[in-house]
Amino acid sequence: MTEVEAAVRQLGKAIQADPRYQAYWKAKTDNDADTELQENIQAFNLKKMSYQHETEKLEEKRNPEKLEKLEQDIQALYLQIMENPNMQAFDTAKQAMNMMMQEVDTILSLCANGEDPDRCHPDLTNCTGNCSSSEMIIGGESHELSRCPQRKTFSYDAAVCSDQRKIQ
């Protein structure tokens, strides 16, 4: 095992010992055990697939009333899911976990770009977790983000799923 691999494994252990990670896994487990929530997520995903199928039809074959009804159903299910206490706890825990991982990723990137590992620190004060912006301020300089963990997890499409594999 290389020194880098050993250090990364140690980092993995530190991440798993962190309270944010533990809160995330507890919230994920609670979400997965909530049968009503899982049924609503499944219904949401099925409605979304129906909506997508309808929008892929040729314009003259689309049913505008059906699309409007599906939009309303999707929105109602989304709101019901996001009002679930388990989903709210998961959302909060996932945001904290994503911020921690973004900080780790940024520190590693700064080190890979020659920054002093003992002194570099990402300035995440301008990060809203929204990811509508693709830049972040680090050390007073603007940096383009190539990827953002928030975008993968909290887009409208994936917000209601505690396990991304379920929505693919």
Protein backbone atom coordinates (compact mmCIF):
# COMPACT_ATOMS: atom_id res chain seq x y z
CA MET A 1 0.00 0.00 0.00
CA THR A 2 1.36 3.42 -0.92
CA GLU A 3 1.65 6.26 1.57
CA VAL A 4 -1.06 8.18 -0.30
CA GLU A 5 -3.43 5.22 -0.22
CA ALA A 6 -2.82 4.76 3.51
CA ALA A 7 -3.51 8.45 4.12
CA VAL A 8 -6.73 8.32 2.09
CA ARG A 9 -7.91 5.27 4.04
CA GLN A 10 -7.17 7.13 7.28
CA LEU A 11 -9.15 10.09 5.92
CA GLY A 12 -12.04 7.71 5.18
CA LYS A 13 -11.98 6.53 8.78
CA ALA A 14 -11.96 10.13 10.02
CA ILE A 15 -14.93 10.97 7.78
CA GLN A 16 -16.88 7.98 9.08
CA ALA A 17 -16.14 9.02 12.68
CA ASP A 18 -17.37 12.57 12.05
CA PRO A 19 -20.78 13.44 13.60
CA ARG A 20 -21.99 14.81 10.23
CA TYR A 21 -21.40 11.44 8.60
CA GLN A 22 -23.08 9.62 11.47
CA ALA A 23 -26.08 11.96 11.33
CA TYR A 24 -26.31 11.42 7.57
CA TRP A 25 -26.34 7.62 7.89
CA LYS A 26 -28.90 7.70 10.70
CA ALA A 27 -31.16 9.96 8.62
CA LYS A 28 -30.67 7.76 5.55
CA THR A 29 -31.54 4.63 7.55
CA ASP A 30 -34.63 6.35 8.99
CA ASN A 31 -35.68 7.40 5.46
CA ASP A 32 -35.23 3.90 4.11
CA ALA A 33 -37.30 2.44 6.97
CA ASP A 34 -40.17 4.90 6.50
CA THR A 35 -42.53 2.88 4.29
CA GLU A 36 -44.94 5.77 3.71
CA LEU A 37 -42.07 7.96 2.57
CA GLN A 38 -40.71 5.24 0.29
CA GLU A 39 -44.16 4.70 -1.24
CA ASN A 40 -44.47 8.44 -1.90
CA ILE A 41 -40.99 8.50 -3.47
CA GLN A 42 -41.94 5.60 -5.69
CA ALA A 43 -45.20 7.30 -6.70
CA PHE A 44 -43.30 10.53 -7.37
CA ASN A 45 -40.80 8.74 -9.60
CA LEU A 46 -43.57 6.95 -11.52
CA LYS A 47 -45.45 10.23 -12.09
CA LYS A 48 -42.22 11.84 -13.22
CA MET A 49 -41.61 9.03 -15.71
CA SER A 50 -45.17 9.39 -17.03
CA TYR A 51 -44.64 13.11 -17.39
CA GLN A 52 -41.38 12.61 -19.24
CA HIS A 53 -42.99 10.03 -21.52
CA GLU A 54 -45.82 12.43 -22.33
CA THR A 55 -43.43 15.32 -23.08
CA GLU A 56 -41.40 13.12 -25.45
CA LYS A 57 -44.41 12.60 -27.70
CA LEU A 58 -44.74 14.64 -30.86
CA GLU A 59 -46.35 17.95 -30.05
CA GLU A 60 -49.58 17.13 -31.86
CA LYS A 61 -49.94 13.88 -29.88
CA ARG A 62 -49.33 15.42 -26.45
CA ASN A 63 -52.22 15.73 -24.07
CA PRO A 64 -51.96 19.16 -22.38
CA GLU A 65 -54.57 18.27 -19.76
CA LYS A 66 -52.70 15.10 -18.85
CA LEU A 67 -49.43 17.06 -18.60
CA GLU A 68 -51.05 19.65 -16.34
CA LYS A 69 -52.53 16.94 -14.10
CA LEU A 70 -49.17 15.16 -13.90
CA GLU A 71 -47.44 18.44 -13.01
CA GLN A 72 -49.93 19.01 -10.21
CA ASP A 73 -49.56 15.44 -8.95
CA ILE A 74 -45.75 15.67 -9.06
CA GLN A 75 -45.77 18.96 -7.18
CA ALA A 76 -48.20 17.65 -4.55
CA LEU A 77 -46.13 14.50 -4.00
CA TYR A 78 -42.92 16.52 -3.86
CA LEU A 79 -44.34 18.80 -1.18
CA GLN A 80 -45.71 15.83 0.78
CA ILE A 81 -42.31 14.11 0.64
CA MET A 82 -40.41 17.23 1.66
CA GLU A 83 -42.79 17.80 4.62
CA ASN A 84 -41.97 14.34 5.98
CA PRO A 85 -39.86 14.76 9.16
CA ASN A 86 -37.52 11.96 8.09
CA MET A 87 -36.90 13.63 4.74
CA GLN A 88 -36.33 16.99 6.43
CA ALA A 89 -33.78 15.42 8.78
CA PHE A 90 -32.14 13.68 5.83
CA ASP A 91 -32.03 16.90 3.80
CA THR A 92 -30.33 18.76 6.66
CA ALA A 93 -27.87 15.93 7.32
CA LYS A 94 -27.08 15.53 3.61
CA GLN A 95 -26.38 19.24 3.24
CA ALA A 96 -23.94 19.10 6.17
CA MET A 97 -22.30 15.99 4.73
CA ASN A 98 -22.00 17.58 1.28
CA MET A 99 -20.43 20.71 2.74
CA MET A 100 -17.88 18.58 4.62
CA MET A 101 -17.05 16.60 1.47
CA GLN A 102 -16.83 19.78 -0.60
CA GLU A 103 -14.35 21.17 1.91
CA VAL A 104 -12.29 17.96 1.82
CA ASP A 105 -12.37 17.92 -1.98
CA THR A 106 -11.33 21.56 -2.17
CA ILE A 107 -8.45 21.09 0.27
CA LEU A 108 -7.21 18.08 -1.71
CA SER A 109 -7.48 20.06 -4.95
CA LEU A 110 -5.60 22.99 -3.46
CA CYS A 111 -2.83 20.64 -2.27
CA ALA A 112 -2.67 18.98 -5.70
CA ASN A 113 -2.20 22.47 -7.16
CA GLY A 114 0.81 23.16 -4.94
CA GLU A 115 -0.79 24.86 -1.93
CA ASP A 116 0.71 24.23 1.51
CA PRO A 117 -1.29 21.34 3.07
CA ASP A 118 -0.92 22.88 6.54
CA ARG A 119 -2.15 26.31 5.50
CA CYS A 120 -4.58 26.03 2.64
CA HIS A 121 -8.20 26.37 3.58
CA PRO A 122 -11.19 26.69 1.29
CA ASP A 123 -13.34 29.75 1.78
CA LEU A 124 -16.81 28.21 1.56
CA THR A 125 -18.56 31.23 3.05
CA ASN A 126 -19.90 32.15 -0.39
CA CYS A 127 -21.21 28.64 -1.07
CA THR A 128 -24.96 28.47 -0.61
CA GLY A 129 -25.23 24.78 -1.36
CA ASN A 130 -27.52 25.77 -4.22
CA CYS A 131 -25.03 25.19 -7.04
CA SER A 132 -26.86 27.54 -9.38
CA SER A 133 -23.51 29.27 -9.59
CA SER A 134 -20.55 27.36 -10.93
CA GLU A 135 -17.89 29.36 -9.13
CA MET A 136 -16.54 29.48 -5.61
CA ILE A 137 -14.32 32.04 -3.90
CA ILE A 138 -11.13 30.52 -2.49
CA GLY A 139 -8.60 32.81 -0.88
CA GLY A 140 -10.26 35.84 -2.45
CA GLU A 141 -9.97 34.36 -5.96
CA SER A 142 -12.83 33.09 -8.09
CA HIS A 143 -12.58 29.43 -9.15
CA GLU A 144 -14.80 27.57 -11.60
CA LEU A 145 -16.25 24.37 -10.12
CA SER A 146 -16.07 21.33 -12.34
CA ARG A 147 -18.58 19.44 -10.22
CA CYS A 148 -20.54 20.03 -7.09
CA PRO A 149 -21.91 17.31 -4.80
CA GLN A 150 -25.01 19.40 -4.07
CA ARG A 151 -26.05 19.38 -7.73
CA LYS A 152 -26.02 15.58 -7.82
CA THR A 153 -28.08 15.18 -4.72
CA PHE A 154 -30.48 18.07 -4.33
CA SER A 155 -31.70 18.77 -7.80
CA TYR A 156 -35.49 18.76 -8.04
CA ASP A 157 -35.31 15.30 -9.59
CA ALA A 158 -33.22 13.64 -6.91
CA ALA A 159 -34.22 15.55 -3.80
CA VAL A 160 -36.71 12.96 -2.76
CA CYS A 161 -34.43 9.97 -2.86
CA SER A 162 -32.09 9.03 -0.05
CA ASP A 163 -30.34 6.53 -2.30
CA GLN A 164 -29.50 7.84 -5.77
CA ARG A 165 -29.50 4.32 -7.23
CA LYS A 166 -33.27 4.20 -6.73
CA ILE A 167 -33.98 7.01 -9.20
CA GLN A 168 -31.91 5.80 -12.13
